[in-house]
Amino acid sequence: MNNIPSDALNAMSQDDKLIDLNAERAKRVHDLNDKRLNEMRQAFEQAMPLGKAKKNPKAKSKNKPKKR
């Protein structure tokens, strides 16, 4: 199965400049997905803008003493 000599494997594992292609691909795919997600968010915000958050009417009741 593995035809690579053990000294070659040791040399590769000690090489600081060795690039993990799977990790780099995962980063690139993640960045592309983030870009696509941001584009979709912007499209939805343009189509259906969110209004300013309304204050919660129950928040005022915290100031009033509870009826017993």
N, C-alpha and C. Protein backbone atom coordinates (compact mmCIF):
# COMPACT_ATOMS: atom_id res chain seq x y z
N MET A 1 0.83 -1.19 0.00
CA MET A 1 0.00 0.00 0.00
C MET A 1 0.87 1.25 0.00
N ASN A 2 1.64 1.43 1.07
CA ASN A 2 2.44 2.64 1.21
C ASN A 2 3.85 2.35 0.71
N ASN A 3 4.22 2.92 -0.43
CA ASN A 3 5.53 2.68 -1.02
C ASN A 3 6.54 3.76 -0.67
N ILE A 4 6.19 4.67 0.23
CA ILE A 4 7.08 5.76 0.60
C ILE A 4 7.99 5.27 1.72
N PRO A 5 9.30 5.42 1.56
CA PRO A 5 10.22 5.00 2.63
C PRO A 5 9.98 5.79 3.91
N SER A 6 10.30 5.15 5.04
CA SER A 6 10.03 5.78 6.33
C SER A 6 10.84 7.06 6.52
N ASP A 7 12.07 7.12 5.98
CA ASP A 7 12.86 8.35 6.12
C ASP A 7 12.25 9.50 5.34
N ALA A 8 11.59 9.19 4.23
CA ALA A 8 10.90 10.23 3.46
C ALA A 8 9.69 10.74 4.24
N LEU A 9 8.98 9.84 4.90
CA LEU A 9 7.83 10.25 5.71
C LEU A 9 8.28 11.13 6.86
N ASN A 10 9.38 10.78 7.49
CA ASN A 10 9.91 11.58 8.60
C ASN A 10 10.32 12.96 8.10
N ALA A 11 10.94 13.02 6.94
CA ALA A 11 11.37 14.30 6.38
C ALA A 11 10.16 15.17 6.07
N MET A 12 9.09 14.55 5.54
CA MET A 12 7.90 15.33 5.21
C MET A 12 7.21 15.83 6.46
N SER A 13 7.20 15.04 7.52
CA SER A 13 6.51 15.46 8.73
C SER A 13 7.28 16.58 9.44
N GLN A 14 8.59 16.68 9.20
CA GLN A 14 9.39 17.71 9.86
C GLN A 14 9.50 18.97 9.02
N ASP A 15 9.00 18.95 7.80
CA ASP A 15 9.12 20.10 6.92
C ASP A 15 8.11 21.18 7.34
N ASP A 16 8.60 22.36 7.73
CA ASP A 16 7.73 23.44 8.18
C ASP A 16 6.95 24.07 7.02
N LYS A 17 7.45 23.93 5.81
CA LYS A 17 6.80 24.55 4.66
C LYS A 17 5.79 23.63 4.00
N LEU A 18 5.56 22.46 4.57
CA LEU A 18 4.61 21.52 4.02
C LEU A 18 3.20 22.08 4.17
N ILE A 19 2.44 22.05 3.10
CA ILE A 19 1.09 22.62 3.10
C ILE A 19 0.08 21.48 3.14
N ASP A 20 -0.86 21.57 4.05
CA ASP A 20 -1.95 20.60 4.12
C ASP A 20 -3.02 21.04 3.13
N LEU A 21 -3.05 20.37 1.98
CA LEU A 21 -3.96 20.78 0.92
C LEU A 21 -5.42 20.60 1.32
N ASN A 22 -5.73 19.59 2.11
CA ASN A 22 -7.11 19.40 2.56
C ASN A 22 -7.56 20.57 3.44
N ALA A 23 -6.69 21.02 4.32
CA ALA A 23 -7.04 22.14 5.20
C ALA A 23 -7.19 23.43 4.39
N GLU A 24 -6.31 23.64 3.42
CA GLU A 24 -6.41 24.83 2.58
C GLU A 24 -7.69 24.82 1.76
N ARG A 25 -8.07 23.65 1.25
CA ARG A 25 -9.30 23.55 0.47
C ARG A 25 -10.51 23.82 1.37
N ALA A 26 -10.48 23.31 2.58
CA ALA A 26 -11.59 23.53 3.51
C ALA A 26 -11.74 25.02 3.81
N LYS A 27 -10.60 25.73 3.99
CA LYS A 27 -10.66 27.17 4.23
C LYS A 27 -11.27 27.89 3.04
N ARG A 28 -10.83 27.49 1.84
CA ARG A 28 -11.31 28.15 0.63
C ARG A 28 -12.81 27.92 0.44
N VAL A 29 -13.26 26.69 0.67
CA VAL A 29 -14.68 26.38 0.55
C VAL A 29 -15.47 27.16 1.60
N HIS A 30 -14.93 27.25 2.81
CA HIS A 30 -15.59 28.00 3.88
C HIS A 30 -15.72 29.48 3.50
N ASP A 31 -14.65 30.05 2.94
CA ASP A 31 -14.68 31.45 2.53
C ASP A 31 -15.70 31.67 1.42
N LEU A 32 -15.78 30.74 0.47
CA LEU A 32 -16.76 30.87 -0.61
C LEU A 32 -18.18 30.78 -0.06
N ASN A 33 -18.40 29.89 0.90
CA ASN A 33 -19.74 29.78 1.50
C ASN A 33 -20.09 31.04 2.27
N ASP A 34 -19.13 31.61 2.99
CA ASP A 34 -19.38 32.87 3.71
C ASP A 34 -19.72 33.99 2.74
N LYS A 35 -19.01 34.06 1.63
CA LYS A 35 -19.27 35.09 0.63
C LYS A 35 -20.68 34.93 0.08
N ARG A 36 -21.07 33.70 -0.23
CA ARG A 36 -22.41 33.44 -0.76
C ARG A 36 -23.47 33.79 0.27
N LEU A 37 -23.22 33.45 1.53
CA LEU A 37 -24.17 33.75 2.60
C LEU A 37 -24.34 35.26 2.76
N ASN A 38 -23.24 36.01 2.72
CA ASN A 38 -23.32 37.47 2.84
C ASN A 38 -24.08 38.08 1.67
N GLU A 39 -23.88 37.54 0.46
CA GLU A 39 -24.61 38.04 -0.70
C GLU A 39 -26.11 37.79 -0.54
N MET A 40 -26.47 36.62 -0.01
CA MET A 40 -27.88 36.32 0.20
C MET A 40 -28.47 37.23 1.28
N ARG A 41 -27.72 37.49 2.34
CA ARG A 41 -28.21 38.40 3.39
C ARG A 41 -28.48 39.79 2.82
N GLN A 42 -27.54 40.27 2.00
CA GLN A 42 -27.72 41.60 1.42
C GLN A 42 -28.93 41.64 0.49
N ALA A 43 -29.13 40.58 -0.28
CA ALA A 43 -30.29 40.53 -1.18
C ALA A 43 -31.58 40.53 -0.38
N PHE A 44 -31.64 39.77 0.72
CA PHE A 44 -32.84 39.76 1.54
C PHE A 44 -33.06 41.10 2.23
N GLU A 45 -32.00 41.74 2.68
CA GLU A 45 -32.15 43.05 3.33
C GLU A 45 -32.67 44.09 2.35
N GLN A 46 -32.26 43.99 1.10
CA GLN A 46 -32.78 44.93 0.09
C GLN A 46 -34.24 44.63 -0.22
N ALA A 47 -34.59 43.35 -0.32
CA ALA A 47 -35.95 42.97 -0.67
C ALA A 47 -36.91 43.19 0.50
N MET A 48 -36.46 42.86 1.70
CA MET A 48 -37.32 42.97 2.88
C MET A 48 -36.53 43.62 4.00
N PRO A 49 -36.41 44.95 3.97
CA PRO A 49 -35.62 45.61 5.01
C PRO A 49 -36.26 45.43 6.38
N LEU A 50 -35.44 45.20 7.37
CA LEU A 50 -35.93 45.07 8.73
C LEU A 50 -36.11 46.45 9.33
N GLY A 51 -37.24 46.65 10.00
CA GLY A 51 -37.48 47.92 10.67
C GLY A 51 -36.66 47.99 11.95
N LYS A 52 -36.64 49.15 12.56
CA LYS A 52 -35.93 49.28 13.83
C LYS A 52 -36.64 48.44 14.87
N ALA A 53 -35.89 47.88 15.78
CA ALA A 53 -36.46 47.03 16.81
C ALA A 53 -37.39 47.84 17.71
N LYS A 54 -38.56 47.29 17.94
CA LYS A 54 -39.52 47.96 18.81
C LYS A 54 -39.20 47.62 20.25
N LYS A 55 -39.48 48.55 21.13
CA LYS A 55 -39.24 48.29 22.55
C LYS A 55 -40.29 47.32 23.05
N ASN A 56 -39.88 46.48 23.95
CA ASN A 56 -40.77 45.50 24.52
C ASN A 56 -41.70 46.18 25.53
N PRO A 57 -43.02 46.13 25.32
CA PRO A 57 -43.94 46.79 26.27
C PRO A 57 -43.89 46.19 27.66
N LYS A 58 -43.49 44.94 27.79
CA LYS A 58 -43.42 44.31 29.11
C LYS A 58 -42.21 44.81 29.89
N ALA A 59 -41.27 45.43 29.21
CA ALA A 59 -40.08 45.94 29.90
C ALA A 59 -40.47 47.05 30.88
N LYS A 60 -41.52 47.79 30.57
CA LYS A 60 -41.97 48.87 31.45
C LYS A 60 -42.59 48.31 32.73
N SER A 61 -43.16 47.12 32.65
CA SER A 61 -43.83 46.56 33.82
C SER A 61 -42.84 46.20 34.92
N LYS A 62 -41.57 46.10 34.60
CA LYS A 62 -40.58 45.79 35.62
C LYS A 62 -40.46 46.92 36.65
N ASN A 63 -40.79 48.13 36.25
CA ASN A 63 -40.68 49.29 37.14
C ASN A 63 -41.86 49.35 38.11
N LYS A 64 -42.98 48.75 37.74
CA LYS A 64 -44.17 48.81 38.59
C LYS A 64 -44.12 47.66 39.62
N PRO A 65 -44.58 47.93 40.84
CA PRO A 65 -44.63 46.84 41.82
C PRO A 65 -45.71 45.82 41.45
N LYS A 66 -45.48 44.58 41.77
CA LYS A 66 -46.43 43.53 41.44
C LYS A 66 -47.65 43.63 42.35
N LYS A 67 -48.82 43.33 41.80
CA LYS A 67 -50.05 43.32 42.59
C LYS A 67 -50.12 41.99 43.34
N ARG A 68 -50.54 42.10 44.62
CA ARG A 68 -50.64 40.88 45.41
C ARG A 68 -52.03 40.65 45.85
